C-alpha atoms as a PDB file:
ATOM      1  CA  MET A   1      87.836 163.008 185.516  1.00  0.00           C
ATOM      2  CA  SER A   2      89.745 165.506 183.527  1.00  0.00           C
ATOM      3  CA  ASP A   3      87.163 168.794 184.189  1.00  0.00           C
ATOM      4  CA  GLN A   4      87.546 168.147 187.610  1.00  0.00           C
ATOM      5  CA  ALA A   5      88.228 171.392 189.692  1.00  0.00           C
ATOM      6  CA  ASP A   6      91.098 171.724 191.978  1.00  0.00           C
ATOM      7  CA  ASP A   7      89.109 171.677 194.896  1.00  0.00           C
ATOM      8  CA  GLN A   8      86.167 169.110 195.433  1.00  0.00           C
ATOM      9  CA  VAL A   9      83.915 171.434 196.780  1.00  0.00           C
ATOM     10  CA  TYR A  10      83.056 174.687 194.877  1.00  0.00           C
ATOM     11  CA  GLU A  11      79.902 176.986 195.124  1.00  0.00           C
ATOM     12  CA  GLY A  12      77.683 173.957 196.715  1.00  0.00           C
ATOM     13  CA  VAL A  13      79.110 171.020 194.685  1.00  0.00           C
ATOM     14  CA  TYR A  14      81.152 168.340 195.622  1.00  0.00           C
ATOM     15  CA  VAL A  15      83.052 166.135 192.576  1.00  0.00           C
ATOM     16  CA  GLY A  16      84.892 163.508 193.706  1.00  0.00           C
ATOM     17  CA  ASN A  17      85.163 159.175 192.992  1.00  0.00           C
ATOM     18  CA  ALA A  18      83.375 156.448 194.672  1.00  0.00           C
ATOM     19  CA  ASN A  19      86.512 154.095 194.640  1.00  0.00           C
ATOM     20  CA  VAL A  20      88.361 156.717 196.360  1.00  0.00           C
ATOM     21  CA  ASP A  21      85.714 158.877 198.913  1.00  0.00           C
ATOM     22  CA  ALA A  22      84.022 155.560 199.895  1.00  0.00           C
ATOM     23  CA  PRO A  23      86.743 154.270 202.237  1.00  0.00           C
ATOM     24  CA  LEU A  24      86.560 157.109 204.177  1.00  0.00           C
ATOM     25  CA  ASP A  25      83.454 156.283 205.909  1.00  0.00           C
ATOM     26  CA  ARG A  26      82.781 153.029 205.293  1.00  0.00           C
ATOM     27  CA  GLY A  27      81.543 153.296 201.956  1.00  0.00           C
ATOM     28  CA  TRP A  28      78.816 155.881 202.772  1.00  0.00           C
ATOM     29  CA  LEU A  29      79.206 158.470 200.051  1.00  0.00           C
ATOM     30  CA  LEU A  30      75.913 160.976 201.281  1.00  0.00           C
ATOM     31  CA  GLY A  31      73.642 160.903 204.542  1.00  0.00           C
ATOM     32  CA  HIS A  32      73.236 162.508 207.583  1.00  0.00           C
ATOM     33  CA  PHE A  33      76.969 161.638 209.079  1.00  0.00           C
ATOM     34  CA  LYS A  34      78.573 164.119 206.311  1.00  0.00           C
ATOM     35  CA  PRO A  35      79.080 167.736 207.932  1.00  0.00           C
ATOM     36  CA  PRO A  36      76.437 170.523 207.900  1.00  0.00           C
ATOM     37  CA  GLY A  37      77.494 172.669 204.712  1.00  0.00           C
ATOM     38  CA  ASP A  38      79.501 169.898 202.663  1.00  0.00           C
ATOM     39  CA  PRO A  39      77.129 169.534 199.732  1.00  0.00           C
ATOM     40  CA  ARG A  40      77.044 165.242 200.411  1.00  0.00           C
ATOM     41  CA  HIS A  41      74.935 166.167 203.708  1.00  0.00           C
ATOM     42  CA  SER A  42      71.376 164.940 203.427  1.00  0.00           C
ATOM     43  CA  GLU A  43      68.795 163.892 206.051  1.00  0.00           C
ATOM     44  CA  ASP A  44      66.432 162.337 203.524  1.00  0.00           C
ATOM     45  CA  VAL A  45      68.547 159.746 201.656  1.00  0.00           C
ATOM     46  CA  GLU A  46      71.820 157.507 202.213  1.00  0.00           C
ATOM     47  CA  ILE A  47      74.270 156.405 199.472  1.00  0.00           C
ATOM     48  CA  LYS A  48      76.648 153.916 199.693  1.00  0.00           C
ATOM     49  CA  TRP A  49      79.318 152.455 197.422  1.00  0.00           C
ATOM     50  CA  GLY A  50      79.982 148.903 198.775  1.00  0.00           C
ATOM     51  CA  VAL A  51      83.273 147.190 197.832  1.00  0.00           C
ATOM     52  CA  HIS A  52      83.243 143.695 199.536  1.00  0.00           C
ATOM     53  CA  PRO A  53      85.952 141.128 198.900  1.00  0.00           C
ATOM     54  CA  ALA A  54      84.498 137.538 198.516  1.00  0.00           C
ATOM     55  CA  GLY A  55      83.220 136.341 201.764  1.00  0.00           C
ATOM     56  CA  ASP A  56      82.762 139.577 203.215  1.00  0.00           C
ATOM     57  CA  GLU A  57      79.327 139.612 205.413  1.00  0.00           C
ATOM     58  CA  ARG A  58      77.799 141.859 207.295  1.00  0.00           C
ATOM     59  CA  ALA A  59      78.350 141.627 211.242  1.00  0.00           C
ATOM     60  CA  ALA A  60      74.684 141.272 212.661  1.00  0.00           C
ATOM     61  CA  TRP A  61      71.384 140.973 211.143  1.00  0.00           C
ATOM     62  CA  VAL A  62      69.566 144.356 211.050  1.00  0.00           C
ATOM     63  CA  GLU A  63      66.132 144.296 212.895  1.00  0.00           C
ATOM     64  CA  ASN A  64      63.839 147.031 213.578  1.00  0.00           C
ATOM     65  CA  GLU A  65      64.954 148.828 210.339  1.00  0.00           C
ATOM     66  CA  VAL A  66      62.951 152.319 209.760  1.00  0.00           C
ATOM     67  CA  ARG A  67      64.373 152.653 206.391  1.00  0.00           C
ATOM     68  CA  THR A  68      63.268 151.867 202.682  1.00  0.00           C
ATOM     69  CA  ALA A  69      66.657 150.950 200.921  1.00  0.00           C
ATOM     70  CA  LEU A  70      67.491 149.800 197.547  1.00  0.00           C
ATOM     71  CA  LEU A  71      70.655 147.532 196.454  1.00  0.00           C
ATOM     72  CA  ILE A  72      71.829 147.137 193.282  1.00  0.00           C
ATOM     73  CA  LEU A  73      74.732 145.264 191.854  1.00  0.00           C
ATOM     74  CA  ILE A  74      77.212 147.019 190.243  1.00  0.00           C
ATOM     75  CA  SER A  75      79.703 143.861 189.584  1.00  0.00           C
ATOM     76  CA  GLY A  76      79.951 140.462 191.487  1.00  0.00           C
ATOM     77  CA  ARG A  77      77.705 137.927 193.097  1.00  0.00           C
ATOM     78  CA  PHE A  78      75.917 139.368 196.237  1.00  0.00           C
ATOM     79  CA  ARG A  79      73.102 137.485 198.330  1.00  0.00           C
ATOM     80  CA  VAL A  80      70.991 139.593 200.692  1.00  0.00           C
ATOM     81  CA  GLU A  81      69.213 138.279 203.201  1.00  0.00           C
ATOM     82  CA  LEU A  82      65.978 138.911 204.162  1.00  0.00           C
ATOM     83  CA  PRO A  83      63.142 137.182 206.900  1.00  0.00           C
ATOM     84  CA  GLY A  84      62.334 133.829 205.131  1.00  0.00           C
ATOM     85  CA  ARG A  85      63.795 134.676 201.741  1.00  0.00           C
ATOM     86  CA  SER A  86      67.536 134.769 200.238  1.00  0.00           C
ATOM     87  CA  VAL A  87      67.759 136.891 197.178  1.00  0.00           C
ATOM     88  CA  LEU A  88      71.162 136.340 194.842  1.00  0.00           C
ATOM     89  CA  LEU A  89      72.262 139.260 192.669  1.00  0.00           C
ATOM     90  CA  ASP A  90      74.383 137.964 190.185  1.00  0.00           C
ATOM     91  CA  LYS A  91      73.887 140.303 186.806  1.00  0.00           C
ATOM     92  CA  PRO A  92      75.367 143.608 186.661  1.00  0.00           C
ATOM     93  CA  GLY A  93      71.969 145.436 187.465  1.00  0.00           C
ATOM     94  CA  ASP A  94      70.339 143.231 189.446  1.00  0.00           C
ATOM     95  CA  TYR A  95      68.617 144.638 192.398  1.00  0.00           C
ATOM     96  CA  VAL A  96      66.305 144.208 195.519  1.00  0.00           C
ATOM     97  CA  VAL A  97      64.520 146.678 197.409  1.00  0.00           C
ATOM     98  CA  TRP A  98      63.083 146.333 201.104  1.00  0.00           C
ATOM     99  CA  GLY A  99      60.675 148.414 202.944  1.00  0.00           C
ATOM    100  CA  LYS A 100      60.461 149.609 206.740  1.00  0.00           C
ATOM    101  CA  GLY A 101      60.148 147.072 209.376  1.00  0.00           C
ATOM    102  CA  VAL A 102      61.950 144.195 207.088  1.00  0.00           C
ATOM    103  CA  GLY A 103      65.355 143.022 208.927  1.00  0.00           C
ATOM    104  CA  HIS A 104      68.150 142.343 206.440  1.00  0.00           C
ATOM    105  CA  SER A 105      72.089 140.900 206.294  1.00  0.00           C
ATOM    106  CA  TRP A 106      74.103 140.209 203.024  1.00  0.00           C
ATOM    107  CA  ARG A 107      77.386 138.447 202.100  1.00  0.00           C
ATOM    108  CA  ALA A 108      79.480 138.719 199.177  1.00  0.00           C
ATOM    109  CA  GLU A 109      79.590 135.623 197.467  1.00  0.00           C
ATOM    110  CA  GLU A 110      82.744 136.792 194.473  1.00  0.00           C
ATOM    111  CA  PRO A 111      84.105 140.163 195.163  1.00  0.00           C
ATOM    112  CA  SER A 112      81.375 143.053 194.501  1.00  0.00           C
ATOM    113  CA  THR A 113      80.537 146.161 193.949  1.00  0.00           C
ATOM    114  CA  VAL A 114      77.161 147.386 195.244  1.00  0.00           C
ATOM    115  CA  LEU A 115      75.168 150.647 195.253  1.00  0.00           C
ATOM    116  CA  THR A 116      73.083 150.846 198.302  1.00  0.00           C
ATOM    117  CA  VAL A 117      70.539 153.845 198.480  1.00  0.00           C
ATOM    118  CA  ARG A 118      68.238 154.078 201.777  1.00  0.00           C
ATOM    119  CA  TRP A 119      65.934 156.598 202.994  1.00  0.00           C
ATOM    120  CA  PRO A 120      65.451 158.788 205.334  1.00  0.00           C
ATOM    121  CA  SER A 121      68.655 159.276 206.732  1.00  0.00           C
ATOM    122  CA  VAL A 122      68.796 157.933 210.142  1.00  0.00           C
ATOM    123  CA  PRO A 123      71.452 158.217 213.066  1.00  0.00           C
ATOM    124  CA  GLY A 124      72.351 155.608 215.245  1.00  0.00           C
ATOM    125  CA  TYR A 125      72.175 152.387 212.921  1.00  0.00           C
ATOM    126  CA  ARG A 126      75.978 151.521 212.666  1.00  0.00           C
ATOM    127  CA  VAL A 127      77.452 147.864 213.066  1.00  0.00           C
ATOM    128  CA  GLY A 128      80.682 147.828 215.168  1.00  0.00           C
END
């Protein structure tokens, strides 16, 4: 980004790179967990840039979900497990949306990059 200012935050604008910033907060670029005053702080939505090696999988099934989520495959081959259904994303741009109350898990079948958007941004859903 040749236009990038020396400072990442300037007058309410944040300029960054998902591949650089994502590892700093488990992939999350935007959400309630960013400090208040940071342009990336939001209680309405969360955005994650997930870069996963082959075989990477969610540590535990998500239950009692209170958010809606959209997961879009950028590259690779990524499987999302939903109650009674397994969804394989294998072409860039493939996506899946699930709503409140729908549990899920996932596994990267190949090295994969995915973009996840979920809303609202709710504290307390971290898997250790």
